[in-house]
N, C-alpha and C. Protein backbone atom coordinates (compact mmCIF):
# COMPACT_ATOMS: atom_id res chain seq x y z
N MET A 1 -121.45 9.61 -22.42
CA MET A 1 -121.60 9.31 -21.03
C MET A 1 -122.93 9.77 -20.51
N VAL A 2 -123.50 8.98 -19.70
CA VAL A 2 -124.81 9.25 -19.14
C VAL A 2 -124.75 10.39 -18.11
N MET A 3 -125.77 11.22 -18.00
CA MET A 3 -125.69 12.33 -17.07
C MET A 3 -125.64 11.77 -15.66
N MET A 4 -124.51 12.04 -14.98
CA MET A 4 -124.25 11.40 -13.67
C MET A 4 -125.04 11.99 -12.52
N TYR A 5 -125.09 13.33 -12.38
CA TYR A 5 -125.74 13.85 -11.22
C TYR A 5 -127.26 13.64 -11.23
N GLU A 6 -127.82 13.76 -12.43
CA GLU A 6 -129.27 13.50 -12.53
C GLU A 6 -129.61 12.02 -12.27
N THR A 7 -128.71 11.14 -12.80
CA THR A 7 -128.95 9.72 -12.55
C THR A 7 -128.79 9.38 -11.09
N LEU A 8 -127.88 9.98 -10.44
CA LEU A 8 -127.54 9.76 -9.01
C LEU A 8 -128.74 10.23 -8.20
N PHE A 9 -129.28 11.39 -8.58
CA PHE A 9 -130.52 11.85 -7.84
C PHE A 9 -131.72 10.95 -8.07
N LEU A 10 -131.87 10.51 -9.31
CA LEU A 10 -132.92 9.60 -9.61
C LEU A 10 -132.82 8.23 -8.89
N ALA A 11 -131.56 7.81 -8.70
CA ALA A 11 -131.32 6.59 -7.93
C ALA A 11 -131.76 6.73 -6.48
N PHE A 12 -131.38 7.81 -5.85
CA PHE A 12 -131.72 8.08 -4.49
C PHE A 12 -133.26 8.18 -4.31
N VAL A 13 -133.89 8.86 -5.21
CA VAL A 13 -135.38 8.99 -5.14
C VAL A 13 -136.01 7.65 -5.29
N ALA A 14 -135.52 6.88 -6.28
CA ALA A 14 -136.17 5.53 -6.47
C ALA A 14 -135.92 4.65 -5.26
N LEU A 15 -134.74 4.77 -4.58
CA LEU A 15 -134.48 3.91 -3.46
C LEU A 15 -135.34 4.26 -2.25
N VAL A 16 -135.72 5.53 -2.13
CA VAL A 16 -136.57 5.92 -0.94
C VAL A 16 -138.04 5.93 -1.29
N ALA A 17 -138.41 5.54 -2.49
CA ALA A 17 -139.87 5.53 -2.86
C ALA A 17 -140.66 4.55 -2.01
N PRO A 18 -140.15 3.33 -1.64
CA PRO A 18 -140.92 2.50 -0.75
C PRO A 18 -141.16 3.17 0.65
N LEU A 19 -140.23 3.89 1.11
CA LEU A 19 -140.36 4.62 2.38
C LEU A 19 -141.41 5.67 2.32
N PHE A 20 -141.37 6.47 1.21
CA PHE A 20 -142.39 7.46 1.02
C PHE A 20 -143.79 6.87 0.81
N GLY A 21 -143.86 5.75 0.16
CA GLY A 21 -145.16 5.11 0.00
C GLY A 21 -145.71 4.63 1.35
N LYS A 22 -144.82 4.07 2.21
CA LYS A 22 -145.20 3.68 3.52
C LYS A 22 -145.61 4.82 4.45
N LEU A 23 -144.93 5.90 4.36
CA LEU A 23 -145.21 7.11 5.13
C LEU A 23 -146.53 7.73 4.65
N ALA A 24 -146.85 7.60 3.35
CA ALA A 24 -148.10 8.20 2.80
C ALA A 24 -149.33 7.32 3.24
N GLY A 25 -149.09 6.12 3.69
CA GLY A 25 -150.15 5.29 4.18
C GLY A 25 -150.75 4.33 3.12
N TYR A 26 -150.08 4.16 2.06
CA TYR A 26 -150.57 3.24 1.03
C TYR A 26 -150.42 1.83 1.53
N GLU A 27 -151.46 1.02 1.42
CA GLU A 27 -151.41 -0.37 1.81
C GLU A 27 -151.50 -1.17 0.47
N LEU A 28 -150.51 -1.11 -0.26
CA LEU A 28 -150.44 -1.76 -1.58
C LEU A 28 -149.53 -2.97 -1.45
N HIS A 29 -149.51 -3.74 -2.56
CA HIS A 29 -148.61 -4.91 -2.57
C HIS A 29 -147.17 -4.37 -2.56
N ARG A 30 -146.25 -5.14 -2.07
CA ARG A 30 -144.88 -4.68 -2.00
C ARG A 30 -144.10 -4.77 -3.29
N LYS A 31 -144.57 -5.62 -4.23
CA LYS A 31 -143.85 -5.81 -5.48
C LYS A 31 -143.60 -4.53 -6.30
N PRO A 32 -144.66 -3.73 -6.47
CA PRO A 32 -144.34 -2.53 -7.35
C PRO A 32 -143.27 -1.64 -6.65
N PHE A 33 -143.36 -1.48 -5.45
CA PHE A 33 -142.25 -0.66 -4.76
C PHE A 33 -140.96 -1.31 -4.79
N GLU A 34 -140.89 -2.64 -4.75
CA GLU A 34 -139.63 -3.38 -4.86
C GLU A 34 -139.02 -3.17 -6.23
N PHE A 35 -139.87 -3.10 -7.28
CA PHE A 35 -139.37 -2.82 -8.66
C PHE A 35 -138.80 -1.44 -8.73
N VAL A 36 -139.46 -0.44 -8.10
CA VAL A 36 -138.95 0.92 -8.14
C VAL A 36 -137.64 1.02 -7.38
N ALA A 37 -137.50 0.35 -6.25
CA ALA A 37 -136.27 0.40 -5.51
C ALA A 37 -135.16 -0.35 -6.28
N CYS A 38 -135.53 -1.43 -6.93
CA CYS A 38 -134.59 -2.17 -7.74
C CYS A 38 -134.04 -1.21 -8.88
N SER A 39 -134.88 -0.42 -9.48
CA SER A 39 -134.48 0.46 -10.50
C SER A 39 -133.44 1.48 -9.90
N GLY A 40 -133.60 1.87 -8.66
CA GLY A 40 -132.62 2.77 -8.00
C GLY A 40 -131.26 2.09 -7.91
N LEU A 41 -131.28 0.80 -7.64
CA LEU A 41 -129.97 0.04 -7.64
C LEU A 41 -129.37 0.02 -9.00
N PHE A 42 -130.12 -0.15 -10.07
CA PHE A 42 -129.58 -0.13 -11.42
C PHE A 42 -129.06 1.24 -11.78
N PHE A 43 -129.72 2.33 -11.28
CA PHE A 43 -129.20 3.63 -11.63
C PHE A 43 -127.93 3.94 -10.86
N LEU A 44 -127.81 3.40 -9.62
CA LEU A 44 -126.52 3.48 -8.89
C LEU A 44 -125.41 2.77 -9.59
N LEU A 45 -125.77 1.62 -10.14
CA LEU A 45 -124.75 0.82 -10.87
C LEU A 45 -124.34 1.59 -12.15
N THR A 46 -125.26 2.33 -12.80
CA THR A 46 -124.94 3.11 -13.91
C THR A 46 -123.87 4.18 -13.57
N VAL A 47 -124.12 4.84 -12.44
CA VAL A 47 -123.23 5.92 -11.99
C VAL A 47 -121.88 5.29 -11.63
N ALA A 48 -121.92 4.12 -10.99
CA ALA A 48 -120.64 3.50 -10.64
C ALA A 48 -119.84 3.06 -11.85
N PHE A 49 -120.49 2.59 -12.87
CA PHE A 49 -119.72 2.28 -14.08
C PHE A 49 -119.17 3.52 -14.79
N GLY A 50 -119.89 4.65 -14.63
CA GLY A 50 -119.44 5.85 -15.30
C GLY A 50 -118.29 6.50 -14.64
N VAL A 51 -118.02 6.27 -13.34
CA VAL A 51 -116.94 6.99 -12.67
C VAL A 51 -115.68 6.16 -12.63
N LEU A 52 -115.68 4.89 -13.09
CA LEU A 52 -114.52 4.13 -13.08
C LEU A 52 -113.47 4.59 -14.10
N PRO A 53 -112.33 4.97 -13.64
CA PRO A 53 -111.32 5.47 -14.61
C PRO A 53 -110.52 4.30 -15.22
N PHE A 54 -110.61 4.14 -16.52
CA PHE A 54 -109.83 3.07 -17.20
C PHE A 54 -109.11 3.73 -18.41
N GLU A 55 -107.81 3.39 -18.47
CA GLU A 55 -107.03 3.96 -19.56
C GLU A 55 -107.10 2.98 -20.81
N HIS A 56 -107.32 1.74 -20.54
CA HIS A 56 -107.35 0.76 -21.62
C HIS A 56 -108.63 0.93 -22.44
N THR A 57 -108.54 0.94 -23.69
CA THR A 57 -109.67 1.22 -24.63
C THR A 57 -110.81 0.14 -24.52
N PHE A 58 -110.31 -1.19 -24.48
CA PHE A 58 -111.27 -2.22 -24.41
C PHE A 58 -112.07 -2.18 -23.07
N LEU A 59 -111.45 -2.01 -21.97
CA LEU A 59 -112.12 -1.93 -20.70
C LEU A 59 -113.06 -0.75 -20.62
N SER A 60 -112.63 0.38 -21.14
CA SER A 60 -113.53 1.51 -21.07
C SER A 60 -114.78 1.37 -21.92
N GLY A 61 -114.62 0.63 -23.04
CA GLY A 61 -115.70 0.27 -23.91
C GLY A 61 -116.65 -0.66 -23.21
N VAL A 62 -116.12 -1.68 -22.55
CA VAL A 62 -117.00 -2.62 -21.84
C VAL A 62 -117.73 -1.91 -20.71
N TRP A 63 -117.08 -1.07 -20.01
CA TRP A 63 -117.78 -0.39 -18.86
C TRP A 63 -118.84 0.59 -19.41
N TYR A 64 -118.60 1.13 -20.61
CA TYR A 64 -119.57 2.06 -21.19
C TYR A 64 -120.83 1.23 -21.56
N VAL A 65 -120.60 0.08 -22.14
CA VAL A 65 -121.73 -0.75 -22.58
C VAL A 65 -122.51 -1.29 -21.39
N ALA A 66 -121.78 -1.63 -20.34
CA ALA A 66 -122.47 -2.08 -19.09
C ALA A 66 -123.23 -0.93 -18.44
N SER A 67 -122.67 0.27 -18.55
CA SER A 67 -123.39 1.43 -18.02
C SER A 67 -124.68 1.70 -18.73
N VAL A 68 -124.62 1.62 -20.06
CA VAL A 68 -125.85 1.89 -20.87
C VAL A 68 -126.90 0.76 -20.63
N ILE A 69 -126.44 -0.47 -20.52
CA ILE A 69 -127.37 -1.53 -20.27
C ILE A 69 -128.01 -1.45 -18.87
N SER A 70 -127.24 -1.12 -17.85
CA SER A 70 -127.82 -0.97 -16.54
C SER A 70 -128.72 0.25 -16.46
N TYR A 71 -128.43 1.30 -17.29
CA TYR A 71 -129.33 2.48 -17.32
C TYR A 71 -130.68 2.14 -17.92
N PHE A 72 -130.69 1.37 -19.01
CA PHE A 72 -132.03 0.97 -19.62
C PHE A 72 -132.74 -0.02 -18.79
N ILE A 73 -132.04 -0.95 -18.08
CA ILE A 73 -132.71 -1.89 -17.17
C ILE A 73 -133.35 -1.13 -16.07
N GLY A 74 -132.65 -0.05 -15.59
CA GLY A 74 -133.19 0.78 -14.52
C GLY A 74 -134.48 1.46 -14.92
N TRP A 75 -134.52 2.02 -16.13
CA TRP A 75 -135.74 2.67 -16.63
C TRP A 75 -136.88 1.64 -16.83
N PHE A 76 -136.46 0.50 -17.32
CA PHE A 76 -137.49 -0.58 -17.61
C PHE A 76 -138.14 -0.97 -16.30
N THR A 77 -137.33 -1.26 -15.22
CA THR A 77 -137.92 -1.68 -13.98
C THR A 77 -138.67 -0.55 -13.25
N LEU A 78 -138.25 0.72 -13.51
CA LEU A 78 -138.98 1.81 -13.00
C LEU A 78 -140.35 1.95 -13.59
N PHE A 79 -140.45 1.72 -14.93
CA PHE A 79 -141.77 1.79 -15.59
C PHE A 79 -142.62 0.65 -15.15
N ILE A 80 -142.06 -0.52 -14.99
CA ILE A 80 -142.84 -1.70 -14.56
C ILE A 80 -143.43 -1.41 -13.16
N GLY A 81 -142.59 -0.91 -12.23
CA GLY A 81 -143.12 -0.71 -10.89
C GLY A 81 -144.10 0.46 -10.82
N THR A 82 -143.85 1.45 -11.70
CA THR A 82 -144.79 2.60 -11.67
C THR A 82 -146.15 2.17 -12.18
N PHE A 83 -146.23 1.50 -13.34
CA PHE A 83 -147.48 1.10 -13.92
C PHE A 83 -148.15 0.00 -13.06
N TRP A 84 -147.41 -0.87 -12.37
CA TRP A 84 -148.01 -1.81 -11.51
C TRP A 84 -148.63 -1.19 -10.32
N ALA A 85 -147.95 -0.16 -9.78
CA ALA A 85 -148.57 0.54 -8.60
C ALA A 85 -149.78 1.33 -9.06
N LEU A 86 -149.73 1.93 -10.24
CA LEU A 86 -150.86 2.63 -10.82
C LEU A 86 -152.06 1.70 -10.99
N TYR A 87 -151.79 0.49 -11.44
CA TYR A 87 -152.88 -0.46 -11.59
C TYR A 87 -153.44 -0.88 -10.29
N ASP A 88 -152.63 -1.01 -9.21
CA ASP A 88 -153.14 -1.34 -7.90
C ASP A 88 -153.99 -0.19 -7.35
N VAL A 89 -153.59 1.00 -7.58
CA VAL A 89 -154.34 2.17 -7.05
C VAL A 89 -155.68 2.29 -7.77
N ILE A 90 -155.74 2.04 -9.08
CA ILE A 90 -156.97 2.16 -9.86
C ILE A 90 -157.96 1.05 -9.42
N ARG A 91 -157.45 -0.12 -9.17
CA ARG A 91 -158.40 -1.20 -8.85
C ARG A 91 -158.77 -1.33 -7.41
N ILE A 92 -158.42 -0.44 -6.53
CA ILE A 92 -158.85 -0.46 -5.13
C ILE A 92 -160.33 -0.37 -5.03
N PRO A 93 -161.04 -1.30 -4.42
CA PRO A 93 -162.50 -1.31 -4.41
C PRO A 93 -163.10 -0.21 -3.61
N GLU A 94 -162.37 0.35 -2.59
CA GLU A 94 -163.05 1.41 -1.77
C GLU A 94 -163.17 2.70 -2.57
N ALA A 95 -162.40 2.90 -3.59
CA ALA A 95 -162.50 4.07 -4.37
C ALA A 95 -163.80 4.17 -5.16
N HIS A 96 -164.38 3.03 -5.52
CA HIS A 96 -165.64 3.03 -6.30
C HIS A 96 -166.88 2.95 -5.42
N GLU A 97 -166.76 2.71 -4.15
CA GLU A 97 -167.96 2.68 -3.29
C GLU A 97 -168.43 3.97 -2.80
N HIS A 98 -167.65 5.05 -2.91
CA HIS A 98 -168.08 6.35 -2.27
C HIS A 98 -168.86 7.23 -3.27
N ARG A 99 -169.32 6.67 -4.38
CA ARG A 99 -170.05 7.43 -5.42
C ARG A 99 -171.46 7.68 -4.97
């Protein structure tokens, strides 16, 4: 079973990342922050699959597989959003003019 409390905390942090970016004053494209927020939804889905109680072996196996898949999709979208935002920050033209 995936670590639930840590994943839940990661989900909430990823969901509020666009708000923190806006409060920090970054004027970047919205897509990287949307990927990070989307990863938060996948992490919430992982936690939701993990807390469903099923007695039937087949259904518990299906929910476990769905939980693992949504967990890896969450990490994948988090990395995409993070590296896309990093690329946007690096290529800002004002950062190179103050030399």
